[in-house]
Amino acid sequence: MLSFWEKQTFTAYDYAVVGSGIVGLSTAISIKEKQPDASVVVFESGLLPTGASTKNAGFACFGSLTELLEDIKILGKEKALELVMERYLGLVKLRERLGDQNLDYHNHGGYELIREQELYCIEEIETINDLLKDVFDKKPFEENKSLISEFGFNEQVVKSMIYSRYEGQIDTGKMMKSLINVAQRMEIRILSGASVSKIEDNGSDVDIVVADQTYGHVNFKAGSVAICTNAFTKKFINDLDLNPGRGIVLVTKPIENLKFKGVFHCEKGYYYFRNYGNRVIFGGGRNLDYKAETTTSFSLNEQIKTELLRQLDEIILPDTPYEVDYFWAGIMAFGQNKQPILKQHSDHIYLGVRLGGMGVAIGSRMGEKLAEMMI
């Protein structure tokens, strides 16, 4: 049983956020920026932020050319443009809030490997550049075939390359550590290992039940709650167009004389790789087995591991010796389209979920907008 002091001091807040990933911490920070005297608590089920925020590959990007063309097919030009703008503004906000040094941000550029079946997109470069003319001060995309040999890729498979000048890379661990540090300096309380089992809007405020090893459960109250649990949100709200999508990633050991720097996209964004110093971080392959990868399990799909290694051997590092250091998995959230879910669910409960694999880009912007809705 909680003591009088614990009930008085630790269980009631003006605002609560469920999930301490990019969106959750960005929401909490944005609330405190707007209301410095407000009490804010963040609940995190794991010891570390669980899902994708600490497990992504560290891309500071807004989408490759082929991805944007797919978005236009599904969303139409206007909504696709709006999505690019939100991603770009999110990256600007992230960099402004934390600083490039704390992110270990580098603008080595973004690149897309174009195979035979994707050559159609070359003719669309100027169309997309024109669509994005009000977002960027220079044309974001241009073709550069010479980069194939310069970077050492397999020229039998890679038929062209597209350069994107506005894409960069970050250190995901440093980003999350910096977000946590900012939140703590603002006296936002972060409770790790706090698995929320129930969230109920009672009409005047919100009751939150948290599982606890000592007490069995602890009851909290908050004036408003933001649910920022992305792929794990159906634990609380079932009727959402939201499905988990596992992403498997590997990192190599340091490679002597690695030929490329930057972030790279392949096959409409289903594969992605980058340098981290002289290592290669490479992930993707969810499209090989959608059914198995629609999961919140952090296990590794052997079929996808095998395909990642094949592409490293045959396409990315065909003439370069390397060793894989290790693999890991993160859990993203997807729906019928890539638009995030950002809405008021009830009088005092709000949602900021379904980032479509673009959490680094759009997370800070979502947190800012979610805070504006709540206040």
Protein backbone atom coordinates (compact mmCIF):
# COMPACT_ATOMS: atom_id res chain seq x y z
CA MET A 1 0.00 0.00 0.00
CA LEU A 2 1.26 3.48 -0.85
CA SER A 3 2.08 5.83 1.97
CA PHE A 4 0.35 9.17 2.49
CA TRP A 5 3.54 10.89 1.24
CA GLU A 6 3.71 8.79 -1.92
CA LYS A 7 0.07 9.50 -2.76
CA GLN A 8 0.53 13.21 -2.10
CA THR A 9 3.75 13.61 -4.08
CA PHE A 10 3.99 11.05 -6.85
CA THR A 11 0.58 10.02 -8.19
CA ALA A 12 -1.17 13.17 -9.51
CA TYR A 13 -0.06 15.31 -12.48
CA ASP A 14 -1.38 17.95 -14.81
CA TYR A 15 -0.24 15.96 -17.84
CA ALA A 16 0.85 12.37 -18.40
CA VAL A 17 2.55 10.87 -21.44
CA VAL A 18 2.59 7.12 -22.07
CA GLY A 19 5.74 6.15 -23.97
CA SER A 20 9.19 7.70 -23.68
CA GLY A 21 10.25 7.47 -27.31
CA ILE A 22 10.82 10.42 -29.62
CA VAL A 23 7.15 11.46 -29.75
CA GLY A 24 6.52 10.93 -26.05
CA LEU A 25 9.51 12.93 -24.83
CA SER A 26 8.96 15.61 -27.49
CA THR A 27 5.35 15.96 -26.31
CA ALA A 28 6.35 16.25 -22.66
CA ILE A 29 9.07 18.81 -23.47
CA SER A 30 6.70 20.84 -25.66
CA ILE A 31 4.12 20.93 -22.86
CA LYS A 32 6.71 22.26 -20.41
CA GLU A 33 7.90 24.83 -22.95
CA LYS A 34 4.33 26.13 -23.18
CA GLN A 35 3.43 25.69 -19.50
CA PRO A 36 6.61 25.75 -17.39
CA ASP A 37 4.72 25.34 -14.10
CA ALA A 38 2.75 22.28 -15.22
CA SER A 39 3.55 18.91 -13.65
CA VAL A 40 4.34 16.30 -16.31
CA VAL A 41 5.05 12.58 -15.97
CA VAL A 42 6.18 10.12 -18.65
CA PHE A 43 5.53 6.38 -18.25
CA GLU A 44 7.87 3.91 -19.97
CA SER A 45 7.23 0.18 -19.79
CA GLY A 46 10.87 -0.81 -20.30
CA LEU A 47 14.15 0.21 -18.71
CA LEU A 48 14.88 1.94 -22.02
CA PRO A 49 12.43 3.38 -24.58
CA THR A 50 10.90 0.34 -26.28
CA GLY A 51 9.90 0.10 -29.93
CA ALA A 52 11.89 1.95 -32.59
CA SER A 53 13.18 5.16 -30.98
CA THR A 54 16.40 3.58 -29.69
CA LYS A 55 16.59 0.92 -32.40
CA ASN A 56 16.38 2.80 -35.70
CA ALA A 57 19.29 3.25 -38.11
CA GLY A 58 19.66 7.00 -37.47
CA PHE A 59 18.37 8.43 -40.76
CA ALA A 60 17.56 12.16 -40.78
CA CYS A 61 15.58 11.94 -43.99
CA PHE A 62 12.21 12.89 -45.47
CA GLY A 63 11.82 10.07 -48.03
CA SER A 64 13.53 8.81 -51.15
CA LEU A 65 12.32 9.62 -54.67
CA THR A 66 10.60 6.26 -55.19
CA GLU A 67 8.99 6.47 -51.73
CA LEU A 68 7.58 9.91 -52.52
CA LEU A 69 6.22 8.70 -55.85
CA GLU A 70 4.44 5.88 -53.98
CA ASP A 71 3.09 8.37 -51.43
CA ILE A 72 1.65 10.49 -54.26
CA LYS A 73 -0.10 7.43 -55.72
CA ILE A 74 -1.75 6.67 -52.38
CA LEU A 75 -2.27 10.12 -50.87
CA GLY A 76 -2.32 12.47 -53.84
CA LYS A 77 0.10 15.34 -54.42
CA GLU A 78 -1.29 17.72 -51.80
CA LYS A 79 -1.20 15.30 -48.86
CA ALA A 80 2.14 13.82 -49.93
CA LEU A 81 3.62 17.32 -50.01
CA GLU A 82 2.15 18.04 -46.58
CA LEU A 83 3.79 14.87 -45.25
CA VAL A 84 7.21 15.89 -46.62
CA MET A 85 6.80 19.31 -45.03
CA GLU A 86 5.97 17.78 -41.64
CA ARG A 87 9.02 15.51 -41.83
CA TYR A 88 11.27 18.41 -42.79
CA LEU A 89 9.89 20.66 -40.04
CA GLY A 90 10.30 17.81 -37.57
CA LEU A 91 13.99 17.49 -38.43
CA VAL A 92 14.43 21.25 -38.12
CA LYS A 93 12.76 21.17 -34.69
CA LEU A 94 14.89 18.23 -33.53
CA ARG A 95 18.11 19.96 -34.54
CA GLU A 96 17.07 23.27 -33.00
CA ARG A 97 16.04 21.65 -29.73
CA LEU A 98 19.06 19.41 -29.20
CA GLY A 99 21.81 20.91 -31.36
CA ASP A 100 23.75 19.10 -34.06
CA GLN A 101 26.62 18.22 -31.73
CA ASN A 102 24.32 16.42 -29.29
CA LEU A 103 22.78 14.52 -32.21
CA ASP A 104 26.14 13.84 -33.86
CA TYR A 105 24.40 15.13 -36.99
CA HIS A 106 26.23 14.91 -40.32
CA ASN A 107 24.97 15.97 -43.72
CA HIS A 108 26.78 13.54 -46.00
CA GLY A 109 23.70 13.50 -48.20
CA GLY A 110 21.12 10.88 -49.08
CA TYR A 111 21.26 8.49 -52.03
CA GLU A 112 18.96 6.02 -53.72
CA LEU A 113 20.19 2.95 -55.56
CA ILE A 114 18.16 2.52 -58.74
CA ARG A 115 17.79 -0.94 -60.27
CA GLU A 116 16.39 -1.80 -63.70
CA GLN A 117 12.80 -1.95 -62.42
CA GLU A 118 13.06 1.52 -60.87
CA LEU A 119 14.53 3.41 -63.83
CA TYR A 120 11.07 4.87 -64.48
CA CYS A 121 11.62 7.27 -61.58
CA ILE A 122 14.46 9.12 -63.37
CA GLU A 123 11.89 10.79 -65.61
CA GLU A 124 10.00 11.97 -62.52
CA ILE A 125 12.91 13.80 -60.84
CA GLU A 126 12.00 17.25 -62.09
CA THR A 127 8.31 16.70 -61.39
CA ILE A 128 9.11 15.95 -57.74
CA ASN A 129 11.64 18.77 -57.53
CA ASP A 130 9.00 21.16 -58.78
CA LEU A 131 6.48 19.80 -56.24
CA LEU A 132 8.97 20.45 -53.42
CA LYS A 133 10.13 23.90 -54.59
CA ASP A 134 8.37 25.65 -51.69
CA VAL A 135 9.91 23.29 -49.11
CA PHE A 136 13.58 23.47 -50.13
CA ASP A 137 15.64 26.37 -51.48
CA LYS A 138 17.43 24.10 -53.99
CA LYS A 139 16.34 21.09 -55.99
CA PRO A 140 16.47 18.15 -53.57
CA PHE A 141 17.03 15.36 -56.12
CA GLU A 142 19.46 14.84 -58.99
CA GLU A 143 20.78 11.82 -60.89
CA ASN A 144 24.48 10.94 -60.62
CA LYS A 145 25.48 7.63 -62.22
CA SER A 146 29.19 8.16 -61.49
CA LEU A 147 28.57 7.48 -57.82
CA ILE A 148 27.93 3.77 -58.49
CA SER A 149 31.59 3.02 -59.19
CA GLU A 150 32.86 5.69 -56.79
CA PHE A 151 31.03 4.01 -53.90
CA GLY A 152 31.94 0.50 -55.04
CA PHE A 153 28.44 -0.83 -55.65
CA ASN A 154 27.63 -3.66 -58.06
CA GLU A 155 27.18 -1.98 -61.46
CA GLN A 156 25.39 -5.02 -62.87
CA VAL A 157 22.55 -4.49 -60.39
CA VAL A 158 22.64 -0.75 -59.68
CA LYS A 159 21.80 1.09 -62.92
CA SER A 160 21.73 4.64 -61.60
CA MET A 161 21.98 6.72 -58.43
CA ILE A 162 19.90 9.62 -57.17
CA TYR A 163 21.49 12.16 -54.84
CA SER A 164 19.40 14.00 -52.22
CA ARG A 165 21.28 16.98 -50.78
CA TYR A 166 19.08 17.57 -47.72
CA GLU A 167 19.36 14.19 -46.02
CA GLY A 168 21.64 13.54 -43.06
CA GLN A 169 22.40 11.07 -40.32
CA ILE A 170 22.38 11.10 -36.52
CA ASP A 171 23.52 8.98 -33.61
CA THR A 172 20.24 7.52 -32.33
CA GLY A 173 21.62 6.82 -28.87
CA LYS A 174 22.88 10.38 -28.44
CA MET A 175 19.56 11.75 -29.66
CA MET A 176 17.55 9.81 -27.08
CA LYS A 177 20.04 10.54 -24.29
CA SER A 178 19.83 14.26 -25.12
CA LEU A 179 16.01 14.21 -25.16
CA ILE A 180 16.02 12.54 -21.75
CA ASN A 181 18.52 15.10 -20.43
CA VAL A 182 16.37 18.01 -21.67
CA ALA A 183 13.26 16.48 -20.08
CA GLN A 184 15.02 15.96 -16.76
CA ARG A 185 16.36 19.52 -16.71
CA MET A 186 12.76 20.70 -17.16
CA GLU A 187 11.73 18.58 -14.15
CA ILE A 188 9.66 16.18 -16.22
CA ARG A 189 9.36 12.97 -14.22
CA ILE A 190 10.25 9.87 -16.26
CA LEU A 191 9.17 6.57 -14.71
CA SER A 192 10.93 3.62 -16.38
CA GLY A 193 9.74 0.06 -15.88
CA ALA A 194 6.24 1.49 -15.47
CA SER A 195 3.94 -0.69 -17.58
CA VAL A 196 0.59 1.05 -17.97
CA SER A 197 -2.22 -1.51 -17.90
CA LYS A 198 -5.25 0.81 -18.05
CA ILE A 199 -6.08 4.35 -19.18
CA GLU A 200 -9.61 5.59 -18.51
CA ASP A 201 -11.10 9.02 -19.11
CA ASN A 202 -13.55 9.54 -16.23
CA GLY A 203 -14.95 12.80 -17.60
CA SER A 204 -13.05 15.19 -15.35
CA ASP A 205 -9.54 13.73 -15.63
CA VAL A 206 -7.83 10.43 -16.48
CA ASP A 207 -7.22 7.37 -14.31
CA ILE A 208 -3.99 5.51 -15.13
CA VAL A 209 -3.15 2.11 -13.67
CA VAL A 210 0.50 1.07 -13.67
CA ALA A 211 1.75 -2.45 -12.89
CA ASP A 212 4.28 -2.56 -10.06
CA GLN A 213 6.38 -5.40 -8.64
CA THR A 214 6.00 -4.17 -5.08
CA TYR A 215 2.36 -3.08 -4.91
CA GLY A 216 0.81 -5.09 -7.74
CA HIS A 217 -0.47 -1.86 -9.26
CA VAL A 218 -0.40 1.87 -8.58
CA ASN A 219 -3.18 4.31 -9.48
CA PHE A 220 -2.24 7.67 -11.01
CA LYS A 221 -4.32 10.65 -12.11
CA ALA A 222 -3.66 13.26 -14.78
CA GLY A 223 -5.63 16.14 -16.21
CA SER A 224 -4.78 15.01 -19.75
CA VAL A 225 -2.95 12.04 -21.21
CA ALA A 226 -1.00 11.64 -24.45
CA ILE A 227 -0.65 8.08 -25.73
CA CYS A 228 2.62 7.88 -27.68
CA THR A 229 3.17 4.14 -27.79
CA ASN A 230 3.22 3.80 -31.60
CA ALA A 231 3.11 0.09 -32.55
CA PHE A 232 1.95 -0.92 -29.06
CA THR A 233 -1.08 1.40 -28.96
CA LYS A 234 -3.70 -1.29 -29.57
CA LYS A 235 -3.06 -2.44 -26.02
CA PHE A 236 -5.17 0.59 -25.07
CA ILE A 237 -7.28 1.38 -28.16
CA ASN A 238 -8.34 -1.39 -30.53
CA ASP A 239 -10.17 0.41 -33.32
CA LEU A 240 -7.20 2.03 -35.04
CA ASP A 241 -5.79 1.53 -38.53
CA LEU A 242 -2.44 0.58 -37.04
CA ASN A 243 -0.28 -2.50 -37.38
CA PRO A 244 3.21 -3.19 -36.04
CA GLY A 245 6.04 -3.66 -38.49
CA ARG A 246 9.32 -5.17 -37.36
CA GLY A 247 12.56 -3.82 -38.79
CA ILE A 248 15.71 -5.93 -38.65
CA VAL A 249 19.06 -4.15 -38.64
CA LEU A 250 22.71 -5.19 -38.61
CA VAL A 251 25.97 -3.38 -37.99
CA THR A 252 29.33 -4.46 -39.35
CA LYS A 253 32.64 -4.29 -37.61
CA PRO A 254 34.86 -1.41 -38.79
CA ILE A 255 35.74 -1.74 -42.49
CA GLU A 256 39.10 -0.53 -43.74
CA ASN A 257 38.83 2.11 -46.48
CA LEU A 258 35.02 2.13 -46.62
CA LYS A 259 34.19 3.92 -49.89
CA PHE A 260 30.94 5.71 -49.03
CA LYS A 261 29.40 8.10 -46.53
CA GLY A 262 25.75 9.06 -46.27
CA VAL A 263 22.33 7.47 -45.96
CA PHE A 264 21.15 5.13 -48.71
CA HIS A 265 17.72 3.90 -49.79
CA CYS A 266 16.87 0.86 -51.93
CA GLU A 267 13.67 -0.74 -53.25
CA LYS A 268 11.23 2.07 -52.37
CA GLY A 269 12.71 2.41 -48.90
CA TYR A 270 12.27 -1.23 -47.89
CA TYR A 271 16.06 -1.47 -47.55
CA TYR A 272 18.32 1.20 -46.13
CA PHE A 273 21.94 1.51 -45.12
CA ARG A 274 24.44 4.11 -44.00
CA ASN A 275 27.95 4.52 -42.73
CA TYR A 276 28.61 4.98 -39.02
CA GLY A 277 32.21 6.06 -39.12
CA ASN A 278 33.76 3.17 -41.01
CA ARG A 279 31.05 0.68 -40.11
CA VAL A 280 27.94 -0.08 -42.18
CA ILE A 281 24.48 -0.14 -40.60
CA PHE A 282 22.01 -1.97 -42.88
CA GLY A 283 18.38 -2.88 -42.34
CA GLY A 284 15.03 -3.64 -43.92
CA GLY A 285 13.46 -6.55 -45.78
CA ARG A 286 10.06 -6.35 -44.10
CA ASN A 287 8.46 -6.74 -47.55
CA LEU A 288 9.89 -10.27 -47.86
CA ASP A 289 7.52 -11.57 -45.21
CA TYR A 290 4.81 -9.06 -44.29
CA LYS A 291 2.82 -11.57 -42.27
CA ALA A 292 5.68 -12.63 -40.00
CA GLU A 293 6.95 -9.06 -39.64
CA THR A 294 3.55 -7.71 -38.53
CA THR A 295 4.53 -8.37 -34.94
CA THR A 296 5.67 -6.75 -31.70
CA SER A 297 8.20 -9.53 -31.08
CA PHE A 298 11.84 -8.46 -31.10
CA SER A 299 13.08 -11.82 -32.43
CA LEU A 300 14.95 -12.06 -35.75
CA ASN A 301 13.57 -13.47 -39.01
CA GLU A 302 16.19 -15.80 -40.47
CA GLN A 303 14.93 -15.33 -44.04
CA ILE A 304 15.46 -11.57 -43.77
CA LYS A 305 18.86 -11.94 -42.09
CA THR A 306 19.96 -14.12 -45.02
CA GLU A 307 18.72 -11.56 -47.57
CA LEU A 308 20.49 -8.67 -45.82
CA LEU A 309 23.75 -10.59 -45.92
CA ARG A 310 23.22 -11.46 -49.60
CA GLN A 311 22.73 -7.83 -50.53
CA LEU A 312 25.80 -6.80 -48.55
CA ASP A 313 27.85 -9.45 -50.34
CA GLU A 314 26.52 -8.93 -53.86
CA ILE A 315 25.41 -5.30 -54.12
CA ILE A 316 26.72 -2.99 -51.40
CA LEU A 317 30.15 -4.44 -50.55
CA PRO A 318 30.84 -6.78 -53.49
CA ASP A 319 34.63 -6.39 -53.40
CA THR A 320 35.10 -5.47 -49.76
CA PRO A 321 35.85 -7.88 -46.90
CA TYR A 322 33.61 -7.31 -43.86
CA GLU A 323 32.34 -8.97 -40.70
CA VAL A 324 28.91 -8.50 -39.13
CA ASP A 325 29.15 -7.40 -35.52
CA TYR A 326 25.52 -8.12 -34.58
CA PHE A 327 21.82 -7.86 -35.51
CA TRP A 328 18.87 -6.29 -33.67
CA ALA A 329 15.19 -5.52 -34.27
CA GLY A 330 12.90 -2.54 -33.71
CA ILE A 331 9.12 -2.25 -33.96
CA MET A 332 7.54 0.44 -36.15
CA ALA A 333 3.86 1.17 -36.83
CA PHE A 334 2.08 1.37 -40.20
CA GLY A 335 -1.40 1.82 -41.61
CA GLN A 336 -3.07 1.96 -45.00
CA ASN A 337 -1.08 5.12 -45.70
CA LYS A 338 1.89 6.90 -44.17
CA GLN A 339 0.00 9.72 -42.53
CA PRO A 340 0.46 9.60 -38.76
CA ILE A 341 -2.47 9.41 -36.36
CA LEU A 342 -2.61 12.67 -34.43
CA LYS A 343 -5.97 13.27 -32.80
CA GLN A 344 -8.07 13.75 -29.68
CA HIS A 345 -9.49 10.37 -28.68
CA SER A 346 -11.72 11.52 -25.80
CA ASP A 347 -12.18 14.61 -23.62
CA HIS A 348 -8.81 14.15 -21.93
CA ILE A 349 -6.95 11.51 -23.98
CA TYR A 350 -4.90 12.29 -27.09
CA LEU A 351 -3.03 10.12 -29.60
CA GLY A 352 0.27 10.65 -31.41
CA VAL A 353 1.07 7.32 -33.07
CA ARG A 354 1.70 5.46 -36.38
CA LEU A 355 4.87 7.14 -37.61
CA GLY A 356 5.33 4.89 -40.64
CA GLY A 357 9.04 4.31 -40.03
CA MET A 358 9.79 8.06 -40.04
CA GLY A 359 10.00 8.70 -36.30
CA VAL A 360 13.31 10.55 -36.34
CA ALA A 361 11.99 12.97 -38.95
CA ILE A 362 8.44 13.53 -37.80
CA GLY A 363 8.57 12.76 -34.07
CA SER A 364 9.49 16.23 -32.78
CA ARG A 365 6.86 17.90 -34.93
CA MET A 366 4.19 15.43 -33.78
CA GLY A 367 5.10 16.05 -30.15
CA GLU A 368 4.83 19.79 -30.65
CA LYS A 369 1.42 19.54 -32.33
CA LEU A 370 0.14 17.06 -29.75
CA ALA A 371 1.10 19.45 -26.94
CA GLU A 372 -0.76 22.27 -28.68
CA MET A 373 -3.89 20.09 -28.83
CA MET A 374 -3.68 19.21 -25.14
CA ILE A 375 -3.13 22.67 -23.70
